[in-house]
Structures are given as C-alpha cells and as structure tokens.
PDB file of N, CA and C in Angstrom:
ATOM      1  N   UNK A   1       4.929  47.443  33.153  1.00  0.00           N
ATOM      2  CA  UNK A   1       4.014  48.572  32.309  1.00  0.00           C
ATOM      3  C   UNK A   1       3.417  48.608  31.596  1.00  0.00           C
ATOM      4  N   UNK A   2       4.775  48.059  30.482  1.00  0.00           N
ATOM      5  CA  UNK A   2       4.662  47.549  29.223  1.00  0.00           C
ATOM      6  C   UNK A   2       3.225  47.027  28.942  1.00  0.00           C
ATOM      7  N   UNK A   3       3.216  45.596  29.879  1.00  0.00           N
ATOM      8  CA  UNK A   3       2.338  44.622  29.143  1.00  0.00           C
ATOM      9  C   UNK A   3       1.006  45.706  29.373  1.00  0.00           C
ATOM     10  N   UNK A   4       0.491  46.879  30.528  1.00  0.00           N
ATOM     11  CA  UNK A   4      -0.836  47.394  30.017  1.00  0.00           C
ATOM     12  C   UNK A   4      -1.202  48.072  29.328  1.00  0.00           C
ATOM     13  N   UNK A   5      -0.403  48.744  28.459  1.00  0.00           N
ATOM     14  CA  UNK A   5      -0.059  49.671  26.811  1.00  0.00           C
ATOM     15  C   UNK A   5      -0.155  48.414  26.184  1.00  0.00           C
ATOM     16  N   UNK A   6       0.765  47.241  26.340  1.00  0.00           N
ATOM     17  CA  UNK A   6       0.584  46.187  25.172  1.00  0.00           C
ATOM     18  C   UNK A   6      -0.898  45.703  24.728  1.00  0.00           C
ATOM     19  N   UNK A   7      -1.287  45.741  26.122  1.00  0.00           N
ATOM     20  CA  UNK A   7      -2.916  45.181  26.545  1.00  0.00           C
ATOM     21  C   UNK A   7      -4.153  45.725  25.359  1.00  0.00           C
ATOM     22  N   UNK A   8      -3.547  47.197  25.634  1.00  0.00           N
ATOM     23  CA  UNK A   8      -4.555  48.665  25.351  1.00  0.00           C
ATOM     24  C   UNK A   8      -4.178  48.824  24.184  1.00  0.00           C
ATOM     25  N   UNK A   9      -3.202  48.435  23.354  1.00  0.00           N
ATOM     26  CA  UNK A   9      -3.384  48.926  22.035  1.00  0.00           C
ATOM     27  C   UNK A   9      -3.346  47.793  21.801  1.00  0.00           C
ATOM     28  N   UNK A  10      -3.725  46.503  21.647  1.00  0.00           N
ATOM     29  CA  UNK A  10      -4.286  45.299  20.855  1.00  0.00           C
ATOM     30  C   UNK A  10      -5.662  45.167  19.928  1.00  0.00           C
ATOM     31  N   UNK A  11      -6.293  45.094  19.274  1.00  0.00           N
ATOM     32  CA  UNK A  11      -7.290  45.292  18.447  1.00  0.00           C
ATOM     33  C   UNK A  11      -8.433  45.029  19.046  1.00  0.00           C
ATOM     34  N   UNK A  12      -9.641  45.399  19.307  1.00  0.00           N
ATOM     35  CA  UNK A  12     -10.962  45.371  20.935  1.00  0.00           C
ATOM     36  C   UNK A  12     -11.267  44.732  20.459  1.00  0.00           C
ATOM     37  N   UNK A  13     -12.218  43.881  20.760  1.00  0.00           N
ATOM     38  CA  UNK A  13     -13.035  42.542  20.090  1.00  0.00           C
ATOM     39  C   UNK A  13     -14.601  42.494  20.999  1.00  0.00           C
ATOM     40  N   UNK A  14     -15.230  42.434  21.160  1.00  0.00           N
ATOM     41  CA  UNK A  14     -16.679  42.017  21.934  1.00  0.00           C
ATOM     42  C   UNK A  14     -16.752  40.892  22.410  1.00  0.00           C
ATOM     43  N   UNK A  15     -16.504  39.763  21.324  1.00  0.00           N
ATOM     44  CA  UNK A  15     -16.671  38.661  21.892  1.00  0.00           C
ATOM     45  C   UNK A  15     -15.397  37.973  22.666  1.00  0.00           C
ATOM     46  N   UNK A  16     -16.257  37.163  23.472  1.00  0.00           N
ATOM     47  CA  UNK A  16     -15.652  36.639  24.757  1.00  0.00           C
ATOM     48  C   UNK A  16     -14.436  36.247  24.772  1.00  0.00           C
ATOM     49  N   UNK A  17     -14.232  35.254  24.034  1.00  0.00           N
ATOM     50  CA  UNK A  17     -13.347  34.522  23.140  1.00  0.00           C
ATOM     51  C   UNK A  17     -11.979  35.275  22.460  1.00  0.00           C
ATOM     52  N   UNK A  18     -12.540  36.258  21.670  1.00  0.00           N
ATOM     53  CA  UNK A  18     -11.204  36.902  21.869  1.00  0.00           C
ATOM     54  C   UNK A  18     -10.767  37.758  23.385  1.00  0.00           C
ATOM     55  N   UNK A  19     -11.737  38.230  23.532  1.00  0.00           N
ATOM     56  CA  UNK A  19     -10.874  38.958  25.278  1.00  0.00           C
ATOM     57  C   UNK A  19     -10.198  38.542  25.581  1.00  0.00           C
ATOM     58  N   UNK A  20     -10.123  37.226  26.077  1.00  0.00           N
ATOM     59  CA  UNK A  20      -9.933  35.870  26.970  1.00  0.00           C
ATOM     60  C   UNK A  20      -8.544  35.565  26.137  1.00  0.00           C
ATOM     61  N   UNK A  21      -8.528  35.898  25.317  1.00  0.00           N
ATOM     62  CA  UNK A  21      -7.107  35.601  24.073  1.00  0.00           C
ATOM     63  C   UNK A  21      -6.182  37.066  24.514  1.00  0.00           C
ATOM     64  N   UNK A  22      -6.736  37.874  24.527  1.00  0.00           N
ATOM     65  CA  UNK A  22      -6.022  39.348  24.368  1.00  0.00           C
ATOM     66  C   UNK A  22      -5.697  39.057  26.148  1.00  0.00           C
ATOM     67  N   UNK A  23      -6.465  38.349  27.429  1.00  0.00           N
ATOM     68  CA  UNK A  23      -5.970  39.074  28.342  1.00  0.00           C
ATOM     69  C   UNK A  23      -5.194  38.074  28.763  1.00  0.00           C
ATOM     70  N   UNK A  24      -4.502  36.780  28.267  1.00  0.00           N
ATOM     71  CA  UNK A  24      -3.839  35.391  28.472  1.00  0.00           C
ATOM     72  C   UNK A  24      -2.740  35.503  26.898  1.00  0.00           C
ATOM     73  N   UNK A  25      -2.930  36.434  26.463  1.00  0.00           N
ATOM     74  CA  UNK A  25      -2.009  36.683  26.308  1.00  0.00           C
ATOM     75  C   UNK A  25      -1.092  38.543  26.635  1.00  0.00           C
ATOM     76  N   UNK A  26      -1.658  38.783  27.242  1.00  0.00           N
ATOM     77  CA  UNK A  26      -0.993  39.613  27.897  1.00  0.00           C
ATOM     78  C   UNK A  26      -0.653  39.585  29.510  1.00  0.00           C
ATOM     79  N   UNK A  27      -1.314  38.546  30.348  1.00  0.00           N
ATOM     80  CA  UNK A  27      -0.656  38.134  31.656  1.00  0.00           C
ATOM     81  C   UNK A  27       0.535  37.423  31.000  1.00  0.00           C
ATOM     82  N   UNK A  28       0.591  36.686  29.928  1.00  0.00           N
ATOM     83  CA  UNK A  28       1.463  35.761  29.737  1.00  0.00           C
ATOM     84  C   UNK A  28       3.025  36.238  30.022  1.00  0.00           C
ATOM     85  N   UNK A  29       3.164  37.539  29.131  1.00  0.00           N
ATOM     86  CA  UNK A  29       4.358  38.771  28.649  1.00  0.00           C
ATOM     87  C   UNK A  29       4.858  38.707  30.238  1.00  0.00           C
ATOM     88  N   UNK A  30       3.829  39.198  31.666  1.00  0.00           N
ATOM     89  CA  UNK A  30       4.424  39.654  32.612  1.00  0.00           C
ATOM     90  C   UNK A  30       5.136  38.623  33.457  1.00  0.00           C
ATOM     91  N   UNK A  31       6.817  39.111  33.623  1.00  0.00           N
ATOM     92  CA  UNK A  31       7.499  37.690  34.215  1.00  0.00           C
ATOM     93  C   UNK A  31       6.764  37.598  35.387  1.00  0.00           C
ATOM     94  N   UNK A  32       6.597  36.637  35.635  1.00  0.00           N
ATOM     95  CA  UNK A  32       6.115  35.277  36.703  1.00  0.00           C
ATOM     96  C   UNK A  32       6.400  35.868  38.196  1.00  0.00           C
ATOM     97  N   UNK A  33       7.850  36.413  38.443  1.00  0.00           N
ATOM     98  CA  UNK A  33       8.938  37.214  39.119  1.00  0.00           C
ATOM     99  C   UNK A  33       8.109  38.671  39.616  1.00  0.00           C
ATOM    100  N   UNK A  34       7.600  39.109  39.083  1.00  0.00           N
ATOM    101  CA  UNK A  34       6.667  41.272  38.293  1.00  0.00           C
ATOM    102  C   UNK A  34       5.503  40.165  39.645  1.00  0.00           C
ATOM    103  N   UNK A  35       4.566  38.970  38.892  1.00  0.00           N
ATOM    104  CA  UNK A  35       3.759  39.452  39.573  1.00  0.00           C
ATOM    105  C   UNK A  35       3.504  37.863  40.853  1.00  0.00           C
ATOM    106  N   UNK A  36       4.920  37.588  41.343  1.00  0.00           N
ATOM    107  CA  UNK A  36       5.150  37.256  42.626  1.00  0.00           C
ATOM    108  C   UNK A  36       5.496  38.471  43.709  1.00  0.00           C
ATOM    109  N   UNK A  37       5.759  39.275  43.365  1.00  0.00           N
ATOM    110  CA  UNK A  37       6.381  40.048  43.852  1.00  0.00           C
ATOM    111  C   UNK A  37       5.240  41.333  44.166  1.00  0.00           C
ATOM    112  N   UNK A  38       4.380  41.342  42.814  1.00  0.00           N
ATOM    113  CA  UNK A  38       2.757  42.168  43.132  1.00  0.00           C
ATOM    114  C   UNK A  38       1.724  41.456  44.369  1.00  0.00           C
ATOM    115  N   UNK A  39       1.570  40.041  44.805  1.00  0.00           N
ATOM    116  CA  UNK A  39       0.909  38.989  44.805  1.00  0.00           C
ATOM    117  C   UNK A  39       1.355  39.434  46.921  1.00  0.00           C
ATOM    118  N   UNK A  40       2.907  39.378  46.875  1.00  0.00           N
ATOM    119  CA  UNK A  40       3.200  39.725  48.588  1.00  0.00           C
ATOM    120  C   UNK A  40       3.400  40.913  48.624  1.00  0.00           C
ATOM    121  N   UNK A  41       3.633  42.104  47.976  1.00  0.00           N
ATOM    122  CA  UNK A  41       3.107  43.536  48.240  1.00  0.00           C
ATOM    123  C   UNK A  41       1.271  43.806  49.097  1.00  0.00           C
ATOM    124  N   UNK A  42       1.159  43.071  48.140  1.00  0.00           N
ATOM    125  CA  UNK A  42      -1.226  43.238  48.260  1.00  0.00           C
ATOM    126  C   UNK A  42      -1.394  42.612  49.891  1.00  0.00           C
ATOM    127  N   UNK A  43      -0.396  41.166  49.523  1.00  0.00           N
ATOM    128  CA  UNK A  43      -0.223  40.561  51.070  1.00  0.00           C
ATOM    129  C   UNK A  43      -0.206  41.621  52.418  1.00  0.00           C
ATOM    130  N   UNK A  44       1.222  41.999  51.815  1.00  0.00           N
ATOM    131  CA  UNK A  44       1.157  42.833  53.235  1.00  0.00           C
ATOM    132  C   UNK A  44       0.343  43.878  53.079  1.00  0.00           C
ATOM    133  N   UNK A  45       0.025  44.943  52.500  1.00  0.00           N
ATOM    134  CA  UNK A  45      -1.278  46.297  52.958  1.00  0.00           C
ATOM    135  C   UNK A  45      -2.426  44.807  53.241  1.00  0.00           C
ATOM    136  N   UNK A  46      -2.771  44.331  53.068  1.00  0.00           N
ATOM    137  CA  UNK A  46      -4.214  42.908  53.785  1.00  0.00           C
ATOM    138  C   UNK A  46      -3.998  43.378  55.141  1.00  0.00           C
ATOM    139  N   UNK A  47      -2.725  42.891  55.481  1.00  0.00           N
ATOM    140  CA  UNK A  47      -2.518  42.652  56.422  1.00  0.00           C
ATOM    141  C   UNK A  47      -1.931  43.828  57.552  1.00  0.00           C
ATOM    142  N   UNK A  48      -2.003  44.672  57.004  1.00  0.00           N
ATOM    143  CA  UNK A  48      -1.277  45.424  57.697  1.00  0.00           C
ATOM    144  C   UNK A  48      -2.657  46.385  57.775  1.00  0.00           C
ATOM    145  N   UNK A  49      -4.310  46.304  57.218  1.00  0.00           N
ATOM    146  CA  UNK A  49      -4.879  46.634  57.189  1.00  0.00           C
ATOM    147  C   UNK A  49      -5.940  46.078  58.146  1.00  0.00           C
ATOM    148  N   UNK A  50      -6.058  44.678  58.059  1.00  0.00           N
ATOM    149  CA  UNK A  50      -6.389  44.018  59.056  1.00  0.00           C
ATOM    150  C   UNK A  50      -6.048  44.232  60.703  1.00  0.00           C
ATOM    151  N   UNK A  51      -5.048  44.619  60.629  1.00  0.00           N
ATOM    152  CA  UNK A  51      -4.665  44.908  62.061  1.00  0.00           C
ATOM    153  C   UNK A  51      -4.474  46.345  62.457  1.00  0.00           C
ATOM    154  N   UNK A  52      -5.181  47.401  61.495  1.00  0.00           N
ATOM    155  CA  UNK A  52      -6.093  48.639  62.157  1.00  0.00           C
ATOM    156  C   UNK A  52      -5.314  49.673  61.760  1.00  0.00           C
ATOM    157  N   UNK A  53      -4.501  49.123  60.599  1.00  0.00           N
ATOM    158  CA  UNK A  53      -3.344  50.852  59.833  1.00  0.00           C
ATOM    159  C   UNK A  53      -4.151  51.501  59.288  1.00  0.00           C
ATOM    160  N   UNK A  54      -3.500  52.564  58.777  1.00  0.00           N
ATOM    161  CA  UNK A  54      -4.358  53.409  57.611  1.00  0.00           C
ATOM    162  C   UNK A  54      -3.741  53.287  56.567  1.00  0.00           C
ATOM    163  N   UNK A  55      -4.157  54.246  55.716  1.00  0.00           N
ATOM    164  CA  UNK A  55      -3.239  53.975  54.593  1.00  0.00           C
ATOM    165  C   UNK A  55      -1.798  54.383  54.566  1.00  0.00           C
ATOM    166  N   UNK A  56      -1.496  55.292  55.346  1.00  0.00           N
ATOM    167  CA  UNK A  56      -0.211  56.042  55.713  1.00  0.00           C
ATOM    168  C   UNK A  56       0.933  55.054  56.473  1.00  0.00           C
ATOM    169  N   UNK A  57       0.062  54.198  57.425  1.00  0.00           N
ATOM    170  CA  UNK A  57       0.776  54.017  58.231  1.00  0.00           C
ATOM    171  C   UNK A  57       1.396  52.810  56.949  1.00  0.00           C
ATOM    172  N   UNK A  58       0.226  51.971  56.999  1.00  0.00           N
ATOM    173  CA  UNK A  58       0.941  50.484  56.146  1.00  0.00           C
ATOM    174  C   UNK A  58       1.687  50.680  55.475  1.00  0.00           C
ATOM    175  N   UNK A  59       1.802  52.086  54.852  1.00  0.00           N
ATOM    176  CA  UNK A  59       2.723  52.553  53.777  1.00  0.00           C
ATOM    177  C   UNK A  59       4.378  52.482  54.687  1.00  0.00           C
ATOM    178  N   UNK A  60       3.847  53.066  55.691  1.00  0.00           N
ATOM    179  CA  UNK A  60       5.347  53.047  56.014  1.00  0.00           C
ATOM    180  C   UNK A  60       5.665  52.048  56.968  1.00  0.00           C
ATOM    181  N   UNK A  61       4.992  51.040  57.282  1.00  0.00           N
ATOM    182  CA  UNK A  61       5.279  49.726  58.045  1.00  0.00           C
ATOM    183  C   UNK A  61       5.970  48.933  57.144  1.00  0.00           C
ATOM    184  N   UNK A  62       5.404  48.831  55.314  1.00  0.00           N
ATOM    185  CA  UNK A  62       5.305  48.278  54.894  1.00  0.00           C
ATOM    186  C   UNK A  62       6.926  48.189  54.651  1.00  0.00           C
ATOM    187  N   UNK A  63       7.372  49.584  54.062  1.00  0.00           N
ATOM    188  CA  UNK A  63       8.603  49.991  54.396  1.00  0.00           C
ATOM    189  C   UNK A  63      10.162  50.121  54.807  1.00  0.00           C
ATOM    190  N   UNK A  64       9.260  49.659  56.559  1.00  0.00           N
ATOM    191  CA  UNK A  64      10.355  49.821  57.180  1.00  0.00           C
ATOM    192  C   UNK A  64      10.218  48.747  57.673  1.00  0.00           C
ATOM    193  N   UNK A  65       9.084  47.890  57.865  1.00  0.00           N
ATOM    194  CA  UNK A  65       9.392  46.360  58.438  1.00  0.00           C
ATOM    195  C   UNK A  65       9.012  45.236  57.656  1.00  0.00           C
ATOM    196  N   UNK A  66       9.441  43.888  58.428  1.00  0.00           N
ATOM    197  CA  UNK A  66       9.116  42.960  57.253  1.00  0.00           C
ATOM    198  C   UNK A  66       7.278  42.854  57.138  1.00  0.00           C
ATOM    199  N   UNK A  67       6.370  42.468  57.154  1.00  0.00           N
ATOM    200  CA  UNK A  67       5.074  42.645  56.726  1.00  0.00           C
ATOM    201  C   UNK A  67       4.590  41.426  58.493  1.00  0.00           C
ATOM    202  N   UNK A  68       4.803  40.697  59.033  1.00  0.00           N
ATOM    203  CA  UNK A  68       4.780  39.913  60.139  1.00  0.00           C
ATOM    204  C   UNK A  68       5.424  40.826  61.444  1.00  0.00           C
ATOM    205  N   UNK A  69       5.795  41.579  61.157  1.00  0.00           N
ATOM    206  CA  UNK A  69       6.391  42.559  62.032  1.00  0.00           C
ATOM    207  C   UNK A  69       5.457  43.281  62.657  1.00  0.00           C
ATOM    208  N   UNK A  70       3.796  43.333  61.984  1.00  0.00           N
ATOM    209  CA  UNK A  70       3.401  45.150  62.261  1.00  0.00           C
ATOM    210  C   UNK A  70       2.491  44.660  63.552  1.00  0.00           C
ATOM    211  N   UNK A  71       2.741  46.166  64.546  1.00  0.00           N
ATOM    212  CA  UNK A  71       2.381  45.722  65.679  1.00  0.00           C
ATOM    213  C   UNK A  71       0.942  45.866  65.828  1.00  0.00           C
ATOM    214  N   UNK A  72       0.692  44.914  66.936  1.00  0.00           N
ATOM    215  CA  UNK A  72      -0.392  44.343  67.427  1.00  0.00           C
ATOM    216  C   UNK A  72      -1.637  44.965  67.504  1.00  0.00           C
ATOM    217  N   UNK A  73      -2.453  44.800  67.458  1.00  0.00           N
ATOM    218  CA  UNK A  73      -4.072  46.176  67.412  1.00  0.00           C
ATOM    219  C   UNK A  73      -4.935  45.771  69.100  1.00  0.00           C
ATOM    220  N   UNK A  74      -4.559  44.155  69.074  1.00  0.00           N
ATOM    221  CA  UNK A  74      -4.856  43.800  70.295  1.00  0.00           C
ATOM    222  C   UNK A  74      -5.182  44.367  71.797  1.00  0.00           C
TER     223      UNK A  74
END
C-alpha cells in the first residue's frame, strides 16, 4: 500500500512521458512477489466467478479451498 501513497505524492504532470515515468517508478517499488500474489488471487476470483459463484461464495471458497477445487456448476 505504500507504493500507492508514493505515487500519489509525486508531482502531477500532464505530459504522457512524465506520467509513464511516474507509473514505472511506482511499479518498480512494488516487490515482484506482491505482484505475483495479487495476480494469483485475482485468477482465483476469476475462476470462481466463471464457475458460477457470487462474491461471498467466491471469497469463502478461495479462503477454504485451493482455486482448482471449486464445485462445478455443470
């Protein structure tokens, strides 16, 4: 969460190049492991929704099961 705050306190620019530099610098501050954990968590939610679960069911299933063990709706 620190990275979001760091991005927000950077000077605001309207040029695309400056904005791109700020985004790249902010992303470089995020540990790769955090990005991977977020991507895996997102994949689990996508899979849960694809299998017909709603938000509360998806959160429960992700908390209690591995992502490839969702009950099938077929």
